[in-house]
Amino acid sequence: MTPQKRLMAVHATLLLTFSVLVVLACLVCWQQLLNPFRLDKETFHTLLGLRLPRIVVSLLMGGALGVSGAVLQGIFRSPLADPYILGISSGSSLAVSCGLLFGTSLFSFAAPTLAFCGAIATGAVVVVLGCGWKGVQPERLLLAGIGVGFFLSATLMLVMTMSRDDGLKRAFLWMSGDLSMTDWDVVPLGLTFVLAGFAMAIARRRGLNALTLGDEVAHSLGFNPSRERLLLFLAASLMTAASVSMGGVVGFIGLVVPHVVRRHVGSDAGILLPLSVVAGSTLLCFSDTVGRTVAAPLELPAGVVAAFIGAPYFIYLLNRKKNA
């Protein structure tokens, strides 16, 4: 094993160890500490019915966003690409907000179902608009996503200005990444689509590595750039849609996490994608724990806390690159 690979293995091991410790700490830290070695009936109910589903959802959402950001930054060859630059979050937010504002959230699966359908429909529109005579082109796909996202965001603002007051707060919390209403009901479907999208991305990891080198290089290596880009975009869209459907819109994780992981283990997709899952899961789980404890009994949305944590670190990385 070369020294570089040995260093990457050390970094990966440290990340996995740190992630396990953070998740265990999040499990016992709430508005009051929980002793896992003394599980009476009330403590067991609190652990199984309140803490575990929220932690599982945050892990699934953070992992999906982290790996989606790594995929999108690779296929667009842009360090600023993230799961929400393509308008997918705007589509899901519009669908859910319409349901919440106009009273269709009468059953537990309404909001997740609306979010998933809105995200998938938006992704399909972006793909259609991003296809040129040469197939799926990164510039067209990026511009189509930005345009569709702005249009849907404007529509969302229009809907919110015309809404009733009782649904406005619920819609705002959803768009802020609030996980306080999550439960086990959203986990099976979300887990299924996150695993499906991740499996698609891992299966195309060699194509992703080739795309990061440019379309000409990818073609010379035997890959079809348009086909690889389309499949990887569908994988990222699937994971982003599943994430939004489980707990709302959480920004910055898909932007920051791939940069952090890439800085320590390199750009090989076979290593970058799994570790982006780990890092994204850890960041969102930690953000949710901070949000529910730092101002107790009030709770801050996990998306807000993640942005407060991620934005300064991203600026720090930019300054390091500038000074290098």
Protein backbone atom coordinates (compact mmCIF):
# COMPACT_ATOMS: atom_id res chain seq x y z
CA MET A 1 0.00 0.00 0.00
CA THR A 2 1.39 3.37 -1.01
CA PRO A 3 1.73 6.15 1.61
CA GLN A 4 -1.06 8.11 -0.07
CA LYS A 5 -3.49 5.18 0.09
CA ARG A 6 -2.46 4.50 3.68
CA LEU A 7 -3.24 8.12 4.58
CA MET A 8 -6.62 7.89 2.83
CA ALA A 9 -7.40 4.71 4.79
CA VAL A 10 -6.54 6.47 8.04
CA HIS A 11 -8.79 9.42 7.17
CA ALA A 12 -11.64 7.09 6.22
CA THR A 13 -11.28 5.15 9.48
CA LEU A 14 -11.25 8.34 11.53
CA LEU A 15 -14.35 9.60 9.75
CA LEU A 16 -16.25 6.37 10.36
CA THR A 17 -15.22 6.31 14.03
CA PHE A 18 -16.16 9.95 14.53
CA SER A 19 -19.52 9.39 12.82
CA VAL A 20 -20.40 6.45 15.07
CA LEU A 21 -19.51 8.48 18.18
CA VAL A 22 -21.60 11.44 17.01
CA VAL A 23 -24.64 9.28 16.29
CA LEU A 24 -24.40 7.61 19.72
CA ALA A 25 -24.09 11.01 21.38
CA CYS A 26 -27.12 12.29 19.45
CA LEU A 27 -29.10 9.27 20.61
CA VAL A 28 -28.62 10.01 24.31
CA CYS A 29 -28.57 13.84 24.13
CA TRP A 30 -32.01 15.41 23.96
CA GLN A 31 -33.55 18.19 26.00
CA GLN A 32 -32.50 15.89 28.84
CA LEU A 33 -29.90 13.12 28.87
CA LEU A 34 -31.05 9.54 28.47
CA ASN A 35 -29.34 6.65 30.21
CA PRO A 36 -29.25 3.76 27.69
CA PHE A 37 -28.31 1.31 30.48
CA ARG A 38 -31.54 1.94 32.41
CA LEU A 39 -34.37 1.41 29.94
CA ASP A 40 -37.66 1.48 31.80
CA LYS A 41 -40.95 1.50 29.91
CA GLU A 42 -41.10 5.28 29.53
CA THR A 43 -37.46 5.57 28.48
CA PHE A 44 -37.86 2.77 25.95
CA HIS A 45 -40.92 4.47 24.45
CA THR A 46 -39.02 7.76 24.22
CA LEU A 47 -36.07 6.08 22.58
CA LEU A 48 -38.02 3.97 20.09
CA GLY A 49 -40.89 6.32 19.32
CA LEU A 50 -39.24 9.76 19.37
CA ARG A 51 -35.47 9.68 19.14
CA LEU A 52 -34.72 6.76 16.85
CA PRO A 53 -37.04 7.73 13.96
CA ARG A 54 -35.74 11.30 13.98
CA ILE A 55 -32.13 10.13 13.98
CA VAL A 56 -32.78 7.56 11.25
CA VAL A 57 -34.50 10.16 9.06
CA SER A 58 -31.67 12.66 9.57
CA LEU A 59 -29.10 10.00 8.68
CA LEU A 60 -30.96 9.01 5.52
CA MET A 61 -31.51 12.62 4.44
CA GLY A 62 -27.95 13.74 5.13
CA GLY A 63 -26.44 10.72 3.38
CA ALA A 64 -28.66 11.19 0.34
CA LEU A 65 -27.80 14.88 0.06
CA GLY A 66 -24.07 14.29 0.55
CA VAL A 67 -23.76 11.69 -2.18
CA SER A 68 -26.11 13.63 -4.51
CA GLY A 69 -23.85 16.66 -4.22
CA ALA A 70 -20.78 14.56 -5.02
CA VAL A 71 -22.49 13.12 -8.09
CA LEU A 72 -23.70 16.46 -9.41
CA GLN A 73 -20.35 18.17 -8.89
CA GLY A 74 -18.79 15.37 -10.91
CA ILE A 75 -21.17 15.34 -13.85
CA PHE A 76 -21.19 19.13 -14.14
CA ARG A 77 -17.48 19.51 -13.30
CA SER A 78 -18.50 22.43 -11.11
CA PRO A 79 -17.60 22.87 -7.42
CA LEU A 80 -20.80 24.88 -6.87
CA ALA A 81 -23.24 22.20 -8.07
CA ASP A 82 -25.51 20.79 -5.38
CA PRO A 83 -28.85 18.95 -5.23
CA TYR A 84 -30.86 22.16 -5.10
CA ILE A 85 -29.31 24.11 -7.94
CA LEU A 86 -31.34 22.04 -10.43
CA GLY A 87 -34.74 23.11 -9.09
CA ILE A 88 -35.64 19.74 -7.59
CA SER A 89 -36.13 21.18 -4.11
CA SER A 90 -38.25 24.00 -5.52
CA GLY A 91 -40.58 21.52 -7.19
CA SER A 92 -41.01 19.44 -4.06
CA SER A 93 -41.42 22.55 -1.88
CA LEU A 94 -44.13 23.89 -4.15
CA ALA A 95 -46.01 20.59 -4.13
CA VAL A 96 -45.84 20.18 -0.35
CA SER A 97 -46.62 23.83 0.36
CA CYS A 98 -49.71 23.68 -1.84
CA GLY A 99 -50.85 20.62 0.09
CA LEU A 100 -50.17 22.18 3.49
CA LEU A 101 -51.61 25.57 2.63
CA PHE A 102 -54.80 24.23 1.08
CA GLY A 103 -55.49 21.54 3.66
CA THR A 104 -54.58 18.28 1.90
CA SER A 105 -52.28 17.10 4.72
CA LEU A 106 -55.03 15.01 6.30
CA PHE A 107 -53.09 11.76 6.27
CA SER A 108 -49.52 10.94 7.22
CA PHE A 109 -48.28 10.13 3.73
CA ALA A 110 -49.68 13.27 2.06
CA ALA A 111 -46.67 15.57 2.49
CA PRO A 112 -43.97 12.97 1.64
CA THR A 113 -45.97 11.78 -1.37
CA LEU A 114 -46.46 15.32 -2.68
CA ALA A 115 -42.78 16.14 -2.13
CA PHE A 116 -41.58 13.05 -3.96
CA CYS A 117 -43.95 13.54 -6.90
CA GLY A 118 -43.03 17.21 -7.18
CA ALA A 119 -39.30 16.47 -7.15
CA ILE A 120 -39.53 13.69 -9.73
CA ALA A 121 -41.73 15.78 -12.02
CA THR A 122 -39.31 18.72 -11.78
CA GLY A 123 -36.34 16.46 -12.51
CA ALA A 124 -38.11 15.08 -15.59
CA VAL A 125 -38.80 18.60 -16.90
CA VAL A 126 -35.16 19.61 -16.33
CA VAL A 127 -33.92 16.53 -18.21
CA VAL A 128 -36.21 17.24 -21.17
CA LEU A 129 -35.09 20.88 -21.32
CA GLY A 130 -31.45 19.90 -20.86
CA CYS A 131 -31.36 17.57 -23.86
CA GLY A 132 -29.84 19.01 -27.03
CA TRP A 133 -29.04 17.49 -30.39
CA LYS A 134 -25.93 15.95 -28.81
CA GLY A 135 -27.89 14.40 -25.97
CA VAL A 136 -27.82 15.52 -22.35
CA GLN A 137 -25.42 18.46 -22.19
CA PRO A 138 -24.15 19.75 -18.83
CA GLU A 139 -24.51 23.44 -19.70
CA ARG A 140 -28.11 23.05 -20.91
CA LEU A 141 -28.98 20.84 -17.94
CA LEU A 142 -27.54 23.34 -15.47
CA LEU A 143 -29.25 26.34 -17.06
CA ALA A 144 -32.55 24.45 -17.34
CA GLY A 145 -32.38 23.57 -13.64
CA ILE A 146 -31.66 27.14 -12.61
CA GLY A 147 -34.46 28.50 -14.79
CA VAL A 148 -37.03 25.96 -13.62
CA GLY A 149 -35.95 26.50 -10.01
CA PHE A 150 -36.43 30.27 -10.21
CA PHE A 151 -39.84 29.85 -11.84
CA LEU A 152 -41.05 27.38 -9.21
CA SER A 153 -39.66 29.51 -6.37
CA ALA A 154 -41.56 32.52 -7.70
CA THR A 155 -44.71 30.43 -7.96
CA LEU A 156 -44.19 29.25 -4.39
CA MET A 157 -43.89 32.82 -3.14
CA LEU A 158 -47.11 33.71 -4.98
CA VAL A 159 -48.94 30.76 -3.42
CA MET A 160 -47.70 31.66 0.06
CA THR A 161 -48.84 35.27 -0.24
CA MET A 162 -52.34 34.02 -1.06
CA SER A 163 -52.47 31.39 1.69
CA ARG A 164 -54.19 31.12 5.02
CA ASP A 165 -52.19 31.86 8.17
CA ASP A 166 -52.60 28.40 9.74
CA GLY A 167 -50.83 26.59 6.92
CA LEU A 168 -48.15 29.21 6.36
CA LYS A 169 -46.04 28.25 9.39
CA ARG A 170 -46.15 24.55 8.54
CA ALA A 171 -45.02 25.25 4.98
CA PHE A 172 -42.23 27.52 6.21
CA LEU A 173 -40.98 24.86 8.65
CA TRP A 174 -40.99 22.28 5.87
CA MET A 175 -38.87 24.53 3.67
CA SER A 176 -36.47 25.08 6.59
CA GLY A 177 -35.75 21.39 7.08
CA ASP A 178 -37.69 20.93 10.32
CA LEU A 179 -37.58 17.28 11.48
CA SER A 180 -39.77 17.59 14.55
CA MET A 181 -42.75 15.87 12.89
CA THR A 182 -40.90 12.90 11.42
CA ASP A 183 -41.85 9.35 12.38
CA TRP A 184 -41.32 5.76 11.26
CA ASP A 185 -44.00 6.03 8.52
CA VAL A 186 -41.71 7.90 6.11
CA VAL A 187 -38.69 5.63 6.59
CA PRO A 188 -39.52 2.54 4.44
CA LEU A 189 -40.30 4.45 1.24
CA GLY A 190 -37.49 6.95 1.77
CA LEU A 191 -34.96 4.20 2.50
CA THR A 192 -36.00 2.30 -0.62
CA PHE A 193 -35.42 5.22 -2.97
CA VAL A 194 -32.23 6.38 -1.25
CA LEU A 195 -30.76 2.88 -1.61
CA ALA A 196 -31.93 2.69 -5.22
CA GLY A 197 -30.33 6.01 -6.10
CA PHE A 198 -27.12 5.17 -4.26
CA ALA A 199 -26.89 1.80 -6.00
CA MET A 200 -27.28 3.52 -9.39
CA ALA A 201 -24.55 6.02 -8.52
CA ILE A 202 -22.12 3.34 -7.29
CA ALA A 203 -22.80 1.22 -10.36
CA ARG A 204 -21.79 4.18 -12.59
CA ARG A 205 -18.76 5.21 -10.46
CA ARG A 206 -16.31 4.57 -13.31
CA GLY A 207 -18.41 6.69 -15.62
CA LEU A 208 -18.48 9.45 -13.00
CA ASN A 209 -14.69 9.34 -12.73
CA ALA A 210 -14.46 9.61 -16.50
CA LEU A 211 -16.89 12.55 -16.67
CA THR A 212 -14.82 14.53 -14.19
CA LEU A 213 -11.98 14.39 -16.73
CA GLY A 214 -14.12 15.80 -19.56
CA ASP A 215 -16.44 14.40 -22.21
CA GLU A 216 -13.63 13.80 -24.70
CA VAL A 217 -11.64 11.73 -22.22
CA ALA A 218 -14.77 9.84 -21.16
CA HIS A 219 -15.56 9.02 -24.77
CA SER A 220 -12.00 7.85 -25.41
CA LEU A 221 -12.30 5.52 -22.40
CA GLY A 222 -15.36 3.86 -23.91
CA PHE A 223 -18.12 5.71 -22.08
CA ASN A 224 -21.10 7.50 -23.60
CA PRO A 225 -21.01 10.89 -21.79
CA SER A 226 -24.68 11.70 -22.41
CA ARG A 227 -25.86 8.30 -21.20
CA GLU A 228 -23.64 8.34 -18.11
CA ARG A 229 -24.67 11.90 -17.26
CA LEU A 230 -28.37 11.07 -17.63
CA LEU A 231 -28.18 7.95 -15.43
CA LEU A 232 -26.17 9.75 -12.75
CA PHE A 233 -28.52 12.73 -12.82
CA LEU A 234 -31.48 10.39 -12.36
CA ALA A 235 -29.71 8.77 -9.39
CA ALA A 236 -29.06 12.16 -7.76
CA SER A 237 -32.64 13.28 -8.45
CA LEU A 238 -34.01 10.10 -6.90
CA MET A 239 -31.99 10.55 -3.71
CA THR A 240 -32.79 14.26 -3.47
CA ALA A 241 -36.50 13.58 -3.96
CA ALA A 242 -36.43 10.92 -1.23
CA SER A 243 -34.60 13.29 1.13
CA VAL A 244 -37.05 16.14 0.65
CA SER A 245 -40.02 13.80 0.97
CA MET A 246 -38.85 12.60 4.40
CA GLY A 247 -38.13 15.88 6.15
CA GLY A 248 -38.21 18.93 3.94
CA VAL A 249 -35.57 21.12 2.34
CA VAL A 250 -32.06 21.09 3.82
CA GLY A 251 -29.44 23.13 2.01
CA PHE A 252 -25.65 23.34 2.06
CA ILE A 253 -24.99 19.68 2.93
CA GLY A 254 -24.83 18.65 -0.71
CA LEU A 255 -22.49 21.57 -1.40
CA VAL A 256 -20.08 21.35 1.53
CA VAL A 257 -19.80 17.63 2.28
CA PRO A 258 -18.25 16.53 -1.05
CA HIS A 259 -15.58 19.22 -0.75
CA VAL A 260 -14.67 18.12 2.78
CA VAL A 261 -14.49 14.44 1.86
CA ARG A 262 -12.64 15.07 -1.41
CA ARG A 263 -10.03 17.09 0.44
CA HIS A 264 -9.13 14.09 2.61
CA VAL A 265 -9.61 11.03 0.38
CA GLY A 266 -9.37 12.34 -3.18
CA SER A 267 -11.82 12.31 -6.08
CA ASP A 268 -12.17 8.58 -6.80
CA ALA A 269 -15.93 8.03 -6.88
CA GLY A 270 -15.60 4.54 -5.44
CA ILE A 271 -14.34 6.09 -2.19
CA LEU A 272 -15.86 9.57 -2.42
CA LEU A 273 -19.49 8.46 -2.71
CA PRO A 274 -19.67 6.11 0.32
CA LEU A 275 -17.77 8.54 2.55
CA SER A 276 -20.01 11.41 1.40
CA VAL A 277 -22.93 9.34 2.69
CA VAL A 278 -21.20 8.98 6.06
CA ALA A 279 -20.19 12.63 6.33
CA GLY A 280 -23.57 13.97 5.19
CA SER A 281 -25.43 11.71 7.60
CA THR A 282 -23.24 12.78 10.49
CA LEU A 283 -23.57 16.49 9.73
CA LEU A 284 -27.36 16.48 9.52
CA CYS A 285 -27.76 14.25 12.58
CA PHE A 286 -25.50 16.58 14.55
CA SER A 287 -27.30 19.67 13.22
CA ASP A 288 -30.68 18.29 14.26
CA THR A 289 -29.38 17.49 17.75
CA VAL A 290 -27.97 21.00 18.15
CA GLY A 291 -31.22 22.50 16.89
CA ARG A 292 -33.37 20.67 19.41
CA THR A 293 -31.11 21.24 22.43
CA VAL A 294 -29.35 24.60 22.11
CA ALA A 295 -32.52 26.67 22.63
CA ALA A 296 -34.74 24.12 24.43
CA PRO A 297 -37.69 23.97 24.74
CA LEU A 298 -37.69 25.77 21.38
CA GLU A 299 -36.38 23.84 18.38
CA LEU A 300 -34.38 25.24 15.48
CA PRO A 301 -34.85 23.58 12.07
CA ALA A 302 -32.02 21.24 11.18
CA GLY A 303 -31.61 22.93 7.79
CA VAL A 304 -30.93 26.27 9.46
CA VAL A 305 -28.34 24.80 11.83
CA ALA A 306 -26.65 22.90 8.97
CA ALA A 307 -26.33 26.14 7.02
CA PHE A 308 -24.83 27.93 10.05
CA ILE A 309 -22.27 25.13 10.38
CA GLY A 310 -21.57 24.56 6.70
CA ALA A 311 -21.32 28.13 5.43
CA PRO A 312 -18.36 29.25 7.61
CA TYR A 313 -16.47 26.04 6.88
CA PHE A 314 -17.06 26.45 3.15
CA ILE A 315 -15.69 30.00 3.31
CA TYR A 316 -12.70 28.63 5.24
CA LEU A 317 -12.03 26.12 2.47
CA LEU A 318 -12.23 28.84 -0.16
CA ASN A 319 -9.68 30.95 1.74
CA ARG A 320 -7.34 27.96 2.03
CA LYS A 321 -7.49 27.40 -1.72
CA LYS A 322 -6.90 31.10 -2.37
CA ASN A 323 -3.84 31.15 -0.13
CA ALA A 324 -2.44 27.86 -1.44
